[in-house]
C-alpha atoms as a PDB file:
ATOM      1  CA  SER A   1     -79.518  -3.574  37.677  1.00  0.00           C
ATOM      2  CA  ARG A   2     -81.714  -1.486  35.399  1.00  0.00           C
ATOM      3  CA  LEU A   3     -84.579  -3.001  33.454  1.00  0.00           C
ATOM      4  CA  PRO A   4     -84.681  -2.390  29.702  1.00  0.00           C
ATOM      5  CA  THR A   5     -87.104   0.435  28.900  1.00  0.00           C
ATOM      6  CA  SER A   6     -88.977  -1.797  26.455  1.00  0.00           C
ATOM      7  CA  LEU A   7     -89.993  -4.157  29.291  1.00  0.00           C
ATOM      8  CA  PHE A   8     -91.439  -1.473  31.549  1.00  0.00           C
ATOM      9  CA  GLY A   9     -95.029  -2.108  30.457  1.00  0.00           C
ATOM     10  CA  LEU A  10     -94.869  -5.775  31.449  1.00  0.00           C
ATOM     11  CA  PHE A  11     -94.584  -4.983  35.137  1.00  0.00           C
ATOM     12  CA  ARG A  12     -98.117  -4.045  36.022  1.00  0.00           C
ATOM     13  CA  ILE A  13    -100.695  -5.791  38.188  1.00  0.00           C
ATOM     14  CA  PHE A  14    -102.461  -8.537  36.236  1.00  0.00           C
ATOM     15  CA  ARG A  15    -106.065  -9.481  36.852  1.00  0.00           C
ATOM     16  CA  ASN A  16    -106.882 -13.164  37.237  1.00  0.00           C
ATOM     17  CA  GLY A  17    -110.109 -14.684  35.948  1.00  0.00           C
ATOM     18  CA  SER A  18    -111.711 -17.215  33.682  1.00  0.00           C
ATOM     19  CA  MET A  19    -114.582 -15.368  31.975  1.00  0.00           C
ATOM     20  CA  ALA A  20    -114.640 -14.291  28.331  1.00  0.00           C
ATOM     21  CA  SER A  21    -113.394 -10.787  27.740  1.00  0.00           C
ATOM     22  CA  ASN A  22    -112.526  -8.039  25.309  1.00  0.00           C
ATOM     23  CA  LEU A  23    -109.494  -5.857  25.824  1.00  0.00           C
ATOM     24  CA  TYR A  24    -108.714  -2.705  23.873  1.00  0.00           C
ATOM     25  CA  PHE A  25    -105.389  -1.217  22.858  1.00  0.00           C
ATOM     26  CA  PRO A  26    -106.404   2.404  22.126  1.00  0.00           C
ATOM     27  CA  GLN A  27    -103.323   3.190  20.045  1.00  0.00           C
ATOM     28  CA  ILE A  28    -101.113   1.240  17.659  1.00  0.00           C
ATOM     29  CA  ALA A  29     -98.571   2.506  15.133  1.00  0.00           C
ATOM     30  CA  ASP A  30     -97.135   0.644  12.162  1.00  0.00           C
ATOM     31  CA  GLY A  31     -95.213   1.649   9.076  1.00  0.00           C
ATOM     32  CA  ILE A  32     -92.518   3.808   7.591  1.00  0.00           C
ATOM     33  CA  ASN A  33     -92.498   7.625   7.656  1.00  0.00           C
ATOM     34  CA  GLN A  34     -89.573   9.281   5.827  1.00  0.00           C
ATOM     35  CA  ASP A  35     -86.468   8.342   7.845  1.00  0.00           C
ATOM     36  CA  TYR A  36     -88.253   6.470  10.640  1.00  0.00           C
ATOM     37  CA  SER A  37     -90.340   3.362  11.178  1.00  0.00           C
ATOM     38  CA  TRP A  38     -92.892   2.379  13.797  1.00  0.00           C
ATOM     39  CA  LYS A  39     -93.833  -1.100  14.946  1.00  0.00           C
ATOM     40  CA  THR A  40     -96.154  -2.344  17.690  1.00  0.00           C
ATOM     41  CA  THR A  41     -95.326  -5.356  19.843  1.00  0.00           C
ATOM     42  CA  PHE A  42     -98.084  -7.081  21.792  1.00  0.00           C
ATOM     43  CA  PHE A  43     -97.352  -8.994  25.007  1.00  0.00           C
ATOM     44  CA  LEU A  44    -100.246 -11.265  26.038  1.00  0.00           C
ATOM     45  CA  VAL A  45    -100.567 -13.371  29.215  1.00  0.00           C
ATOM     46  CA  ASN A  46    -103.139 -16.096  29.928  1.00  0.00           C
ATOM     47  CA  ARG A  47    -103.367 -16.114  33.727  1.00  0.00           C
ATOM     48  CA  SER A  48    -106.114 -18.765  33.807  1.00  0.00           C
ATOM     49  CA  SER A  49    -105.982 -22.560  34.095  1.00  0.00           C
ATOM     50  CA  THR A  50    -107.832 -22.903  30.762  1.00  0.00           C
ATOM     51  CA  THR A  51    -106.423 -22.688  27.234  1.00  0.00           C
ATOM     52  CA  ALA A  52    -107.303 -19.318  25.745  1.00  0.00           C
ATOM     53  CA  SER A  53    -108.602 -18.905  22.204  1.00  0.00           C
ATOM     54  CA  ALA A  54    -107.859 -15.284  21.388  1.00  0.00           C
ATOM     55  CA  THR A  55    -108.430 -13.052  18.370  1.00  0.00           C
ATOM     56  CA  LEU A  56    -106.431  -9.856  17.879  1.00  0.00           C
ATOM     57  CA  SER A  57    -108.279  -7.466  15.517  1.00  0.00           C
ATOM     58  CA  PHE A  58    -106.921  -4.211  14.084  1.00  0.00           C
ATOM     59  CA  TYR A  59    -108.904  -1.072  13.189  1.00  0.00           C
ATOM     60  CA  GLY A  60    -107.972   2.216  11.546  1.00  0.00           C
ATOM     61  CA  GLU A  61    -108.739   5.596  13.050  1.00  0.00           C
ATOM     62  CA  ASN A  62    -112.133   5.580  11.281  1.00  0.00           C
ATOM     63  CA  GLY A  63    -113.082   2.151  12.699  1.00  0.00           C
ATOM     64  CA  SER A  64    -112.595   0.188   9.472  1.00  0.00           C
ATOM     65  CA  ALA A  65    -110.458  -2.970   9.377  1.00  0.00           C
ATOM     66  CA  LEU A  66    -106.728  -2.184   9.266  1.00  0.00           C
ATOM     67  CA  GLN A  67    -104.384  -4.687   7.643  1.00  0.00           C
ATOM     68  CA  VAL A  68    -101.024  -5.195   9.339  1.00  0.00           C
ATOM     69  CA  ASN A  69     -98.230  -7.712   8.898  1.00  0.00           C
ATOM     70  CA  LEU A  70     -97.770 -10.112  11.831  1.00  0.00           C
ATOM     71  CA  GLN A  71     -95.493 -13.134  11.420  1.00  0.00           C
ATOM     72  CA  ASN A  72     -95.377 -12.618   7.610  1.00  0.00           C
ATOM     73  CA  ILE A  73     -99.178 -12.644   7.281  1.00  0.00           C
ATOM     74  CA  ASN A  74    -101.082  -9.550   6.069  1.00  0.00           C
ATOM     75  CA  ALA A  75    -104.529  -9.431   7.667  1.00  0.00           C
ATOM     76  CA  SER A  76    -106.690  -7.381  10.017  1.00  0.00           C
ATOM     77  CA  ARG A  77    -107.552 -10.309  12.318  1.00  0.00           C
ATOM     78  CA  PHE A  78    -105.267 -12.947  13.869  1.00  0.00           C
ATOM     79  CA  THR A  79    -106.215 -15.958  16.017  1.00  0.00           C
ATOM     80  CA  TYR A  80    -103.971 -17.476  18.681  1.00  0.00           C
ATOM     81  CA  GLU A  81    -104.112 -20.225  21.304  1.00  0.00           C
ATOM     82  CA  LEU A  82    -102.448 -19.519  24.647  1.00  0.00           C
ATOM     83  CA  PRO A  83    -101.971 -22.452  27.042  1.00  0.00           C
ATOM     84  CA  PRO A  84    -102.800 -22.044  30.737  1.00  0.00           C
ATOM     85  CA  SER A  85    -100.319 -19.569  32.254  1.00  0.00           C
ATOM     86  CA  GLY A  86     -98.894 -19.089  28.741  1.00  0.00           C
ATOM     87  CA  THR A  87     -97.536 -15.965  27.113  1.00  0.00           C
ATOM     88  CA  LEU A  88     -97.349 -14.663  23.570  1.00  0.00           C
ATOM     89  CA  SER A  89     -95.347 -11.852  21.991  1.00  0.00           C
ATOM     90  CA  VAL A  90     -96.031 -10.715  18.415  1.00  0.00           C
ATOM     91  CA  SER A  91     -94.834  -7.623  16.520  1.00  0.00           C
ATOM     92  CA  THR A  92     -96.037  -5.809  13.454  1.00  0.00           C
ATOM     93  CA  ALA A  93     -93.557  -5.541  10.589  1.00  0.00           C
ATOM     94  CA  PRO A  94     -93.432  -1.975   9.229  1.00  0.00           C
ATOM     95  CA  ILE A  95     -93.490  -2.603   5.473  1.00  0.00           C
ATOM     96  CA  SER A  96     -95.726   0.214   4.183  1.00  0.00           C
ATOM     97  CA  ASP A  97     -96.554   3.862   4.857  1.00  0.00           C
ATOM     98  CA  LEU A  98     -97.151   4.875   8.469  1.00  0.00           C
ATOM     99  CA  ARG A  99    -100.612   4.010   9.761  1.00  0.00           C
ATOM    100  CA  SER A 100    -102.188   4.276  13.173  1.00  0.00           C
ATOM    101  CA  GLY A 101    -105.313   2.921  14.759  1.00  0.00           C
ATOM    102  CA  TRP A 102    -106.334   0.648  17.596  1.00  0.00           C
ATOM    103  CA  ALA A 103    -106.684  -3.056  18.357  1.00  0.00           C
ATOM    104  CA  MET A 104    -109.142  -5.304  20.186  1.00  0.00           C
ATOM    105  CA  LEU A 105    -108.313  -8.634  21.810  1.00  0.00           C
ATOM    106  CA  SER A 106    -111.262 -11.031  22.225  1.00  0.00           C
ATOM    107  CA  SER A 107    -110.856 -14.237  24.198  1.00  0.00           C
ATOM    108  CA  ASN A 108    -112.848 -17.047  25.792  1.00  0.00           C
ATOM    109  CA  VAL A 109    -110.960 -16.383  29.064  1.00  0.00           C
ATOM    110  CA  LYS A 110    -109.515 -13.219  30.555  1.00  0.00           C
ATOM    111  CA  ILE A 111    -106.152 -12.351  29.070  1.00  0.00           C
ATOM    112  CA  ASP A 112    -103.946  -9.474  30.095  1.00  0.00           C
ATOM    113  CA  GLY A 113    -101.874  -7.526  27.648  1.00  0.00           C
ATOM    114  CA  THR A 114     -99.610  -4.625  26.929  1.00  0.00           C
ATOM    115  CA  ALA A 115     -98.583  -3.093  23.615  1.00  0.00           C
ATOM    116  CA  ILE A 116     -95.338  -1.237  23.035  1.00  0.00           C
ATOM    117  CA  PHE A 117     -94.888   0.838  19.929  1.00  0.00           C
ATOM    118  CA  SER A 118     -91.325   1.556  18.982  1.00  0.00           C
ATOM    119  CA  LEU A 119     -89.764   4.277  16.830  1.00  0.00           C
ATOM    120  CA  THR A 120     -86.497   3.390  15.064  1.00  0.00           C
ATOM    121  CA  ASP A 121     -84.314   5.183  12.538  1.00  0.00           C
ATOM    122  CA  ARG A 122     -83.285   3.758   9.142  1.00  0.00           C
ATOM    123  CA  ALA A 123     -80.281   2.018  10.717  1.00  0.00           C
ATOM    124  CA  GLY A 124     -82.609   0.213  13.147  1.00  0.00           C
ATOM    125  CA  LYS A 125     -81.489   2.267  16.159  1.00  0.00           C
ATOM    126  CA  LEU A 126     -84.222   2.558  18.778  1.00  0.00           C
ATOM    127  CA  ILE A 127     -85.245   6.169  19.358  1.00  0.00           C
ATOM    128  CA  SER A 128     -88.291   5.764  21.604  1.00  0.00           C
ATOM    129  CA  ASN A 129     -90.773   3.275  23.069  1.00  0.00           C
ATOM    130  CA  VAL A 130     -94.308   4.004  24.233  1.00  0.00           C
ATOM    131  CA  THR A 131     -96.244   1.510  26.359  1.00  0.00           C
ATOM    132  CA  VAL A 132    -100.007   1.164  25.939  1.00  0.00           C
ATOM    133  CA  PRO A 133    -101.663  -1.086  28.516  1.00  0.00           C
ATOM    134  CA  ALA A 134    -104.768  -2.909  27.382  1.00  0.00           C
ATOM    135  CA  SER A 135    -108.029  -1.724  28.868  1.00  0.00           C
ATOM    136  CA  PRO A 136    -111.451  -3.300  29.293  1.00  0.00           C
ATOM    137  CA  GLU A 137    -114.400  -1.396  27.831  1.00  0.00           C
ATOM    138  CA  LEU A 138    -115.165   1.622  30.005  1.00  0.00           C
ATOM    139  CA  ASP A 139    -118.236   3.851  30.139  1.00  0.00           C
ATOM    140  CA  SER A 140    -116.459   6.517  32.170  1.00  0.00           C
ATOM    141  CA  PHE A 141    -113.057   7.073  33.724  1.00  0.00           C
ATOM    142  CA  SER A 142    -110.701   9.736  35.040  1.00  0.00           C
ATOM    143  CA  LEU A 143    -107.331  10.363  33.455  1.00  0.00           C
ATOM    144  CA  LEU A 144    -104.587  11.792  35.637  1.00  0.00           C
ATOM    145  CA  ALA A 145    -101.623  13.466  33.959  1.00  0.00           C
ATOM    146  CA  GLU A 146     -98.572  15.474  34.912  1.00  0.00           C
ATOM    147  CA  LEU A 147     -98.785  19.011  33.533  1.00  0.00           C
ATOM    148  CA  GLN A 148     -95.437  20.396  34.695  1.00  0.00           C
ATOM    149  CA  PRO A 149     -93.291  22.515  32.337  1.00  0.00           C
ATOM    150  CA  GLY A 150     -90.974  20.342  30.272  1.00  0.00           C
ATOM    151  CA  THR A 151     -93.234  17.277  30.292  1.00  0.00           C
ATOM    152  CA  ASN A 152     -95.343  15.848  27.490  1.00  0.00           C
ATOM    153  CA  THR A 153     -98.351  13.675  28.238  1.00  0.00           C
ATOM    154  CA  GLY A 154    -100.346  11.928  25.568  1.00  0.00           C
ATOM    155  CA  TYR A 155    -103.438   9.761  25.730  1.00  0.00           C
ATOM    156  CA  ALA A 156    -105.359   7.651  23.270  1.00  0.00           C
ATOM    157  CA  LEU A 157    -109.049   6.802  23.184  1.00  0.00           C
ATOM    158  CA  ALA A 158    -110.785   4.236  20.994  1.00  0.00           C
ATOM    159  CA  ASN A 159    -114.538   4.085  20.416  1.00  0.00           C
ATOM    160  CA  ALA A 160    -115.423   0.457  19.645  1.00  0.00           C
ATOM    161  CA  GLY A 161    -119.127   1.245  19.393  1.00  0.00           C
ATOM    162  CA  ASP A 162    -121.272   2.224  16.437  1.00  0.00           C
ATOM    163  CA  ALA A 163    -122.419   5.527  17.972  1.00  0.00           C
ATOM    164  CA  SER A 164    -120.442   8.727  18.438  1.00  0.00           C
ATOM    165  CA  ALA A 165    -118.948   9.350  21.856  1.00  0.00           C
ATOM    166  CA  THR A 166    -118.543  12.610  23.728  1.00  0.00           C
ATOM    167  CA  VAL A 167    -115.285  13.260  25.577  1.00  0.00           C
ATOM    168  CA  THR A 168    -115.209  16.062  28.148  1.00  0.00           C
END
């Protein structure tokens, strides 16, 4: 049987650990744009044997706090508890103009996560999903992409620091 496209991002190799960590989601989308709406769903997994205290913080493209609506609460920072081996799924509710940015997940133990942002039409019909795996902070990395005719490859970068970054 085929897996639903929206679950594709959940099937990746998870790291296991018990140290505090920050994870970054370099792209999120939320809001309404003419005839379409975007929402971002976060899937979080606590693979440790310790309860995780996690904070999910949202930032705009300029690095300032970005308010979103999660579980009928408008804020830029949300705190959750995940039991050992527990999971959590939360989605933004697109109730205002389209906005994009990035998110950071801070936790007392290592948590793994994936974000899926979904494009729907006014009738609620799903048009497209894009999976964004969480990433630890990186000083350098290589990005491999398919550049064949007829393909489109996108990437997102988030600078969580105070200084400018150079991308080459």
